[in-house]
Amino acid sequence: MDNSQNRNTLSEGEYRVGIGFNPSGDTTVALIKSKAAELIDQLAPIAADREHPGARCASIAMTEIESAAMWAVKAVTKQPR
């Protein structure tokens, strides 16, 4: 996916994890981002419904998934000193 792809064509999860940013083309990075995006997309409708009792929890979970994806990508791409 091209980095210049319009945000409007990305799902919320794809946008939040930066699905198109993988300069090395690492398949593990792509998999991590894809799975995280799927989870975020599952929670997005709940988070968007402010009347839903789990809306706040879904919003927090989405943020935590985004962070976890970042750390997971860092873990698999970390270079030695």
C-alpha atoms as a PDB file:
ATOM      1  CA  MET A   1       0.000   0.000   0.000  1.00  0.00           C
ATOM      2  CA  ASP A   2       1.350   3.414  -0.953  1.00  0.00           C
ATOM      3  CA  ASN A   3       2.167   5.830   1.901  1.00  0.00           C
ATOM      4  CA  SER A   4       0.395   8.596   0.000  1.00  0.00           C
ATOM      5  CA  GLN A   5      -2.885   6.657  -0.019  1.00  0.00           C
ATOM      6  CA  ASN A   6      -5.783   8.856   0.990  1.00  0.00           C
ATOM      7  CA  ARG A   7      -6.790   8.460   4.631  1.00  0.00           C
ATOM      8  CA  ASN A   8     -10.418   8.189   3.539  1.00  0.00           C
ATOM      9  CA  THR A   9      -9.706   4.870   1.816  1.00  0.00           C
ATOM     10  CA  LEU A  10      -8.171   3.334   4.936  1.00  0.00           C
ATOM     11  CA  SER A  11     -10.125   1.776   7.760  1.00  0.00           C
ATOM     12  CA  GLU A  12      -9.694   3.320  11.203  1.00  0.00           C
ATOM     13  CA  GLY A  13      -7.383   0.474  12.207  1.00  0.00           C
ATOM     14  CA  GLU A  14      -5.291   0.701   9.047  1.00  0.00           C
ATOM     15  CA  TYR A  15      -4.885   4.433   9.530  1.00  0.00           C
ATOM     16  CA  ARG A  16      -3.979   4.165  13.218  1.00  0.00           C
ATOM     17  CA  VAL A  17      -1.305   1.491  12.762  1.00  0.00           C
ATOM     18  CA  GLY A  18       0.132   3.065   9.620  1.00  0.00           C
ATOM     19  CA  ILE A  19      -0.556  -0.001   7.516  1.00  0.00           C
ATOM     20  CA  GLY A  20       1.165   1.484   4.466  1.00  0.00           C
ATOM     21  CA  PHE A  21       4.425   2.309   6.245  1.00  0.00           C
ATOM     22  CA  ASN A  22       6.764  -0.651   6.006  1.00  0.00           C
ATOM     23  CA  PRO A  23       9.869   0.572   4.172  1.00  0.00           C
ATOM     24  CA  SER A  24      11.702  -2.740   4.597  1.00  0.00           C
ATOM     25  CA  GLY A  25       8.784  -4.763   3.271  1.00  0.00           C
ATOM     26  CA  ASP A  26       9.101  -7.044   6.298  1.00  0.00           C
ATOM     27  CA  THR A  27       6.317  -9.653   6.239  1.00  0.00           C
ATOM     28  CA  THR A  28       6.214  -9.891  10.041  1.00  0.00           C
ATOM     29  CA  VAL A  29       5.692  -6.125  10.311  1.00  0.00           C
ATOM     30  CA  ALA A  30       2.878  -6.368   7.759  1.00  0.00           C
ATOM     31  CA  LEU A  31       1.248  -9.207   9.715  1.00  0.00           C
ATOM     32  CA  ILE A  32       1.474  -7.378  13.057  1.00  0.00           C
ATOM     33  CA  LYS A  33      -0.038  -4.233  11.579  1.00  0.00           C
ATOM     34  CA  SER A  34      -2.766  -6.165   9.783  1.00  0.00           C
ATOM     35  CA  LYS A  35      -3.845  -8.053  12.916  1.00  0.00           C
ATOM     36  CA  ALA A  36      -3.791  -4.897  15.046  1.00  0.00           C
ATOM     37  CA  ALA A  37      -5.837  -3.044  12.419  1.00  0.00           C
ATOM     38  CA  GLU A  38      -8.424  -5.856  12.440  1.00  0.00           C
ATOM     39  CA  LEU A  39      -8.815  -5.618  16.216  1.00  0.00           C
ATOM     40  CA  ILE A  40      -9.137  -1.834  16.129  1.00  0.00           C
ATOM     41  CA  ASP A  41     -11.727  -2.091  13.363  1.00  0.00           C
ATOM     42  CA  GLN A  42     -13.775  -4.542  15.459  1.00  0.00           C
ATOM     43  CA  LEU A  43     -13.858  -2.068  18.343  1.00  0.00           C
ATOM     44  CA  ALA A  44     -14.349   1.156  16.359  1.00  0.00           C
ATOM     45  CA  PRO A  45     -18.175   0.941  16.090  1.00  0.00           C
ATOM     46  CA  ILE A  46     -18.476   0.418  19.840  1.00  0.00           C
ATOM     47  CA  ALA A  47     -16.137   3.335  20.579  1.00  0.00           C
ATOM     48  CA  ALA A  48     -18.079   5.577  18.200  1.00  0.00           C
ATOM     49  CA  ASP A  49     -21.405   4.850  19.950  1.00  0.00           C
ATOM     50  CA  ARG A  50     -21.220   7.112  22.993  1.00  0.00           C
ATOM     51  CA  GLU A  51     -24.419   5.523  24.327  1.00  0.00           C
ATOM     52  CA  HIS A  52     -22.823   2.086  24.402  1.00  0.00           C
ATOM     53  CA  PRO A  53     -21.764   1.128  27.932  1.00  0.00           C
ATOM     54  CA  GLY A  54     -18.426  -0.159  26.616  1.00  0.00           C
ATOM     55  CA  ALA A  55     -17.573   2.904  24.496  1.00  0.00           C
ATOM     56  CA  ARG A  56     -14.841   4.197  26.778  1.00  0.00           C
ATOM     57  CA  CYS A  57     -13.341   0.738  27.218  1.00  0.00           C
ATOM     58  CA  ALA A  58     -13.304   0.253  23.441  1.00  0.00           C
ATOM     59  CA  SER A  59     -11.565   3.591  22.958  1.00  0.00           C
ATOM     60  CA  ILE A  60      -8.907   2.713  25.514  1.00  0.00           C
ATOM     61  CA  ALA A  61      -8.450  -0.740  23.983  1.00  0.00           C
ATOM     62  CA  MET A  62      -7.980   0.800  20.534  1.00  0.00           C
ATOM     63  CA  THR A  63      -5.233   3.066  21.870  1.00  0.00           C
ATOM     64  CA  GLU A  64      -3.549   0.178  23.663  1.00  0.00           C
ATOM     65  CA  ILE A  65      -3.679  -2.017  20.536  1.00  0.00           C
ATOM     66  CA  GLU A  66      -2.109   0.815  18.542  1.00  0.00           C
ATOM     67  CA  SER A  67       0.678   1.062  21.139  1.00  0.00           C
ATOM     68  CA  ALA A  68       1.159  -2.698  21.252  1.00  0.00           C
ATOM     69  CA  ALA A  69       1.524  -2.809  17.466  1.00  0.00           C
ATOM     70  CA  MET A  70       4.174  -0.090  17.620  1.00  0.00           C
ATOM     71  CA  TRP A  71       6.161  -1.968  20.273  1.00  0.00           C
ATOM     72  CA  ALA A  72       5.768  -5.273  18.432  1.00  0.00           C
ATOM     73  CA  VAL A  73       7.076  -3.734  15.212  1.00  0.00           C
ATOM     74  CA  LYS A  74       9.968  -2.234  17.133  1.00  0.00           C
ATOM     75  CA  ALA A  75      10.720  -5.647  18.655  1.00  0.00           C
ATOM     76  CA  VAL A  76      10.922  -7.422  15.316  1.00  0.00           C
ATOM     77  CA  THR A  77      12.888  -4.658  13.573  1.00  0.00           C
ATOM     78  CA  LYS A  78      15.301  -3.702  16.381  1.00  0.00           C
ATOM     79  CA  GLN A  79      18.879  -3.668  15.122  1.00  0.00           C
ATOM     80  CA  PRO A  80      21.902  -4.555  17.245  1.00  0.00           C
ATOM     81  CA  ARG A  81      24.058  -1.710  18.530  1.00  0.00           C
END
